[in-house]
Amino acid sequence: MAGSNLIADPCTMSIKLSSSGKSIEFERLRFFLIRHHSKVFVVSSAGMDGASANKSNIYSVEASGLKLVCSKLQGRK
């Protein structure tokens, strides 16, 4: 059974930073949050199209916004 050729609706999140009150908006096909040593990271699909869905980016959540830490990490095949 093969996967669907249709791209799913993107996931969205909004973060309001308690330190500055600034809001961060984020949207990708898939993502999840992790916490490591009291820092929050977003691991997400690299883009909004099906071709980049197998690659991931990692962002750190900073007071100034999201900062790209690693880009286009190749997923397992």
N, C-alpha and C. Protein backbone atom coordinates (compact mmCIF):
# COMPACT_ATOMS: atom_id res chain seq x y z
N MET A 1 0.84 -1.17 0.00
CA MET A 1 0.00 0.00 0.00
C MET A 1 0.89 1.24 0.00
N ALA A 2 0.68 2.13 -0.94
CA ALA A 2 1.49 3.33 -1.08
C ALA A 2 0.83 4.49 -0.34
N GLY A 3 1.65 5.48 0.05
CA GLY A 3 1.13 6.67 0.70
C GLY A 3 0.36 7.54 -0.29
N SER A 4 -0.37 8.46 0.23
CA SER A 4 -1.17 9.36 -0.57
C SER A 4 -0.30 10.38 -1.29
N ASN A 5 -0.69 10.76 -2.50
CA ASN A 5 0.01 11.81 -3.24
C ASN A 5 -0.44 13.20 -2.81
N LEU A 6 -1.52 13.27 -2.04
CA LEU A 6 -2.03 14.55 -1.57
C LEU A 6 -1.24 15.01 -0.35
N ILE A 7 -0.88 16.29 -0.34
CA ILE A 7 -0.16 16.85 0.79
C ILE A 7 -1.16 17.20 1.89
N ALA A 8 -0.85 16.82 3.10
CA ALA A 8 -1.73 17.10 4.24
C ALA A 8 -1.73 18.58 4.57
N ASP A 9 -2.73 19.01 5.31
CA ASP A 9 -2.76 20.40 5.79
C ASP A 9 -1.60 20.62 6.74
N PRO A 10 -1.01 21.81 6.72
CA PRO A 10 0.12 22.07 7.61
C PRO A 10 -0.30 22.18 9.07
N CYS A 11 0.66 21.93 9.94
CA CYS A 11 0.47 22.12 11.38
C CYS A 11 0.91 23.54 11.71
N THR A 12 0.25 24.16 12.65
CA THR A 12 0.61 25.52 13.03
C THR A 12 0.76 25.62 14.55
N MET A 13 1.60 26.56 14.98
CA MET A 13 1.71 26.84 16.41
C MET A 13 1.96 28.32 16.60
N SER A 14 1.58 28.80 17.74
CA SER A 14 1.83 30.18 18.14
C SER A 14 2.40 30.13 19.56
N ILE A 15 3.53 30.79 19.74
CA ILE A 15 4.20 30.84 21.05
C ILE A 15 4.21 32.29 21.50
N LYS A 16 3.77 32.54 22.72
CA LYS A 16 3.88 33.88 23.29
C LYS A 16 4.98 33.82 24.36
N LEU A 17 6.04 34.58 24.15
CA LEU A 17 7.18 34.57 25.06
C LEU A 17 6.86 35.38 26.31
N SER A 18 7.07 34.77 27.46
CA SER A 18 6.75 35.45 28.72
C SER A 18 7.71 36.60 29.00
N SER A 19 8.95 36.49 28.53
CA SER A 19 9.94 37.53 28.82
C SER A 19 9.67 38.84 28.09
N SER A 20 9.21 38.75 26.84
CA SER A 20 9.03 39.97 26.04
C SER A 20 7.58 40.19 25.60
N GLY A 21 6.75 39.17 25.72
CA GLY A 21 5.37 39.27 25.24
C GLY A 21 5.26 39.11 23.73
N LYS A 22 6.40 38.90 23.07
CA LYS A 22 6.43 38.71 21.61
C LYS A 22 5.79 37.38 21.24
N SER A 23 5.09 37.35 20.11
CA SER A 23 4.48 36.12 19.60
C SER A 23 5.28 35.59 18.42
N ILE A 24 5.45 34.29 18.38
CA ILE A 24 6.13 33.61 17.29
C ILE A 24 5.12 32.70 16.62
N GLU A 25 4.96 32.81 15.31
CA GLU A 25 4.07 31.95 14.54
C GLU A 25 4.94 30.97 13.74
N PHE A 26 4.50 29.72 13.63
CA PHE A 26 5.27 28.70 12.91
C PHE A 26 4.31 27.76 12.22
N GLU A 27 4.62 27.40 10.96
CA GLU A 27 3.75 26.50 10.18
C GLU A 27 4.62 25.61 9.29
N ARG A 28 4.42 24.32 9.38
CA ARG A 28 5.10 23.33 8.54
C ARG A 28 4.17 22.12 8.36
N LEU A 29 4.56 21.22 7.47
CA LEU A 29 3.76 20.01 7.26
C LEU A 29 3.75 19.14 8.52
N ARG A 30 4.88 19.10 9.21
CA ARG A 30 4.94 18.38 10.48
C ARG A 30 6.05 18.99 11.33
N PHE A 31 5.86 18.95 12.64
CA PHE A 31 6.91 19.40 13.56
C PHE A 31 6.60 18.87 14.95
N PHE A 32 7.61 18.90 15.80
CA PHE A 32 7.41 18.60 17.22
C PHE A 32 8.40 19.40 18.03
N LEU A 33 8.07 19.59 19.29
CA LEU A 33 8.91 20.36 20.20
C LEU A 33 9.66 19.42 21.12
N ILE A 34 10.90 19.77 21.42
CA ILE A 34 11.67 19.02 22.40
C ILE A 34 12.31 20.01 23.36
N ARG A 35 12.57 19.55 24.57
CA ARG A 35 13.27 20.37 25.56
C ARG A 35 14.55 19.63 25.91
N HIS A 36 15.66 20.38 25.87
CA HIS A 36 16.96 19.81 26.19
C HIS A 36 17.70 20.83 27.04
N HIS A 37 18.03 20.46 28.27
CA HIS A 37 18.72 21.35 29.21
C HIS A 37 18.03 22.71 29.30
N SER A 38 16.75 22.69 29.51
CA SER A 38 15.89 23.87 29.70
C SER A 38 15.76 24.76 28.46
N LYS A 39 16.24 24.33 27.32
CA LYS A 39 16.03 25.04 26.04
C LYS A 39 15.00 24.29 25.23
N VAL A 40 14.17 25.04 24.50
CA VAL A 40 13.13 24.43 23.66
C VAL A 40 13.57 24.50 22.21
N PHE A 41 13.41 23.37 21.50
CA PHE A 41 13.76 23.27 20.09
C PHE A 41 12.54 22.80 19.30
N VAL A 42 12.47 23.24 18.04
CA VAL A 42 11.44 22.79 17.12
C VAL A 42 12.13 21.95 16.06
N VAL A 43 11.70 20.70 15.89
CA VAL A 43 12.20 19.84 14.82
C VAL A 43 11.07 19.76 13.81
N SER A 44 11.33 20.18 12.56
CA SER A 44 10.26 20.29 11.58
C SER A 44 10.67 19.77 10.22
N SER A 45 9.66 19.51 9.38
CA SER A 45 9.94 19.23 7.98
C SER A 45 10.60 20.47 7.39
N ALA A 46 11.47 20.27 6.41
CA ALA A 46 12.28 21.37 5.88
C ALA A 46 11.46 22.37 5.07
N GLY A 47 10.33 21.98 4.54
CA GLY A 47 9.56 22.90 3.72
C GLY A 47 8.08 22.55 3.72
N MET A 48 7.35 23.24 2.86
CA MET A 48 5.90 23.06 2.81
C MET A 48 5.47 22.19 1.63
N ASP A 49 6.42 21.63 0.88
CA ASP A 49 6.05 20.76 -0.23
C ASP A 49 6.42 19.32 0.08
N GLY A 50 5.87 18.39 -0.67
CA GLY A 50 6.12 16.98 -0.43
C GLY A 50 7.56 16.57 -0.62
N ALA A 51 8.28 17.24 -1.54
CA ALA A 51 9.67 16.88 -1.83
C ALA A 51 10.59 17.12 -0.63
N SER A 52 10.32 18.14 0.17
CA SER A 52 11.19 18.44 1.30
C SER A 52 10.67 17.86 2.61
N ALA A 53 9.60 17.09 2.55
CA ALA A 53 9.01 16.53 3.77
C ALA A 53 9.91 15.48 4.41
N ASN A 54 10.85 14.88 3.66
CA ASN A 54 11.74 13.86 4.20
C ASN A 54 13.01 14.47 4.79
N LYS A 55 13.13 15.79 4.75
CA LYS A 55 14.28 16.47 5.33
C LYS A 55 13.78 17.32 6.49
N SER A 56 14.63 17.49 7.50
CA SER A 56 14.22 18.21 8.71
C SER A 56 15.12 19.38 9.01
N ASN A 57 14.56 20.40 9.63
CA ASN A 57 15.29 21.53 10.17
C ASN A 57 15.11 21.53 11.68
N ILE A 58 16.10 22.05 12.39
CA ILE A 58 15.99 22.21 13.84
C ILE A 58 16.17 23.69 14.16
N TYR A 59 15.22 24.23 14.92
CA TYR A 59 15.24 25.63 15.35
C TYR A 59 15.29 25.68 16.87
N SER A 60 16.00 26.67 17.42
CA SER A 60 15.92 26.91 18.86
C SER A 60 14.97 28.08 19.07
N VAL A 61 14.21 28.03 20.15
CA VAL A 61 13.29 29.10 20.49
C VAL A 61 14.07 30.11 21.33
N GLU A 62 14.25 31.30 20.80
CA GLU A 62 15.01 32.36 21.45
C GLU A 62 14.09 33.52 21.77
N ALA A 63 14.54 34.44 22.60
CA ALA A 63 13.75 35.62 22.93
C ALA A 63 13.50 36.49 21.69
N SER A 64 14.40 36.42 20.72
CA SER A 64 14.26 37.21 19.49
C SER A 64 13.44 36.49 18.42
N GLY A 65 13.12 35.22 18.65
CA GLY A 65 12.36 34.43 17.68
C GLY A 65 12.98 33.06 17.50
N LEU A 66 12.68 32.42 16.38
CA LEU A 66 13.25 31.11 16.09
C LEU A 66 14.59 31.27 15.39
N LYS A 67 15.58 30.49 15.83
CA LYS A 67 16.92 30.54 15.23
C LYS A 67 17.21 29.17 14.63
N LEU A 68 17.53 29.14 13.32
CA LEU A 68 17.86 27.89 12.64
C LEU A 68 19.18 27.35 13.18
N VAL A 69 19.16 26.12 13.69
CA VAL A 69 20.35 25.50 14.26
C VAL A 69 20.96 24.51 13.28
N CYS A 70 20.14 23.66 12.65
CA CYS A 70 20.57 22.68 11.65
C CYS A 70 19.56 22.70 10.51
N SER A 71 20.03 22.57 9.28
CA SER A 71 19.12 22.59 8.14
C SER A 71 19.23 21.36 7.27
N LYS A 72 18.11 20.98 6.72
CA LYS A 72 17.99 19.91 5.72
C LYS A 72 18.65 18.60 6.14
N LEU A 73 18.39 18.17 7.36
CA LEU A 73 18.87 16.87 7.82
C LEU A 73 18.09 15.79 7.09
N GLN A 74 18.77 14.81 6.53
CA GLN A 74 18.11 13.76 5.76
C GLN A 74 17.51 12.72 6.70
N GLY A 75 16.24 12.41 6.48
CA GLY A 75 15.56 11.38 7.28
C GLY A 75 15.92 9.99 6.81
N ARG A 76 15.47 9.00 7.53
CA ARG A 76 15.68 7.61 7.16
C ARG A 76 14.88 7.24 5.95
N LYS A 77 15.38 6.31 5.17
CA LYS A 77 14.62 5.84 4.00
C LYS A 77 14.00 4.52 4.28
